[in-house]
Amino acid sequence: MSIFSSINISASGLNSERTRMDTISKNIANANTTRTSAGTPYRRQLAVFQEDGDVSFDSILSKAKESTESSGGVKITGIVEDQSEFKLVYDPGHPDAREDGYVEMPNVDIVREMVDMITATRAYEANLTSINTAKSMAMKAIDIGK
């Protein structure tokens, strides 16, 4: 494992967390969208993370024997919709109200989105700190060689 592989792994984390933040921002922006192109309220979306690369012990051992390259990191495999129920709000004057006066609102909970945004921000900062630490280690190694 080289210093660049740790930076690449952290960079994959930065990219994935950025995508997660984009998804959360989209959820917050559509928290009151009652009509989409499909004719239903907006459904909350979630980013699905997956470990990047083959992580079996045999593959890691064979890669370690053959080269200094390492796999790892994380990737986004997709954006999925949360299939939980829509919230019902009584508002008979709303243009999308049903005959009984209730309006189906998106299944977006702003508090949950804010908590997810905070955890995504912390994960992004942790990956950034990892990159800075790897960079600092490389600079110290160069200073030793002088």
Foldseek 3Di string as FASTA:
>chain_A
DDLVQLLVQLVLLLVQLVVQLVLLVVLVVQQFAQQDPVGGRDFRKGWDKDWDDDDDPVVQVVCVVVDPHDGTHMHTPDIDTDPDFFDWDQAQVDPQADPVRIGGTYPRDNVVSVVSNVVSVVSNVVSVVSNVVSVVVVVVVVVVVD
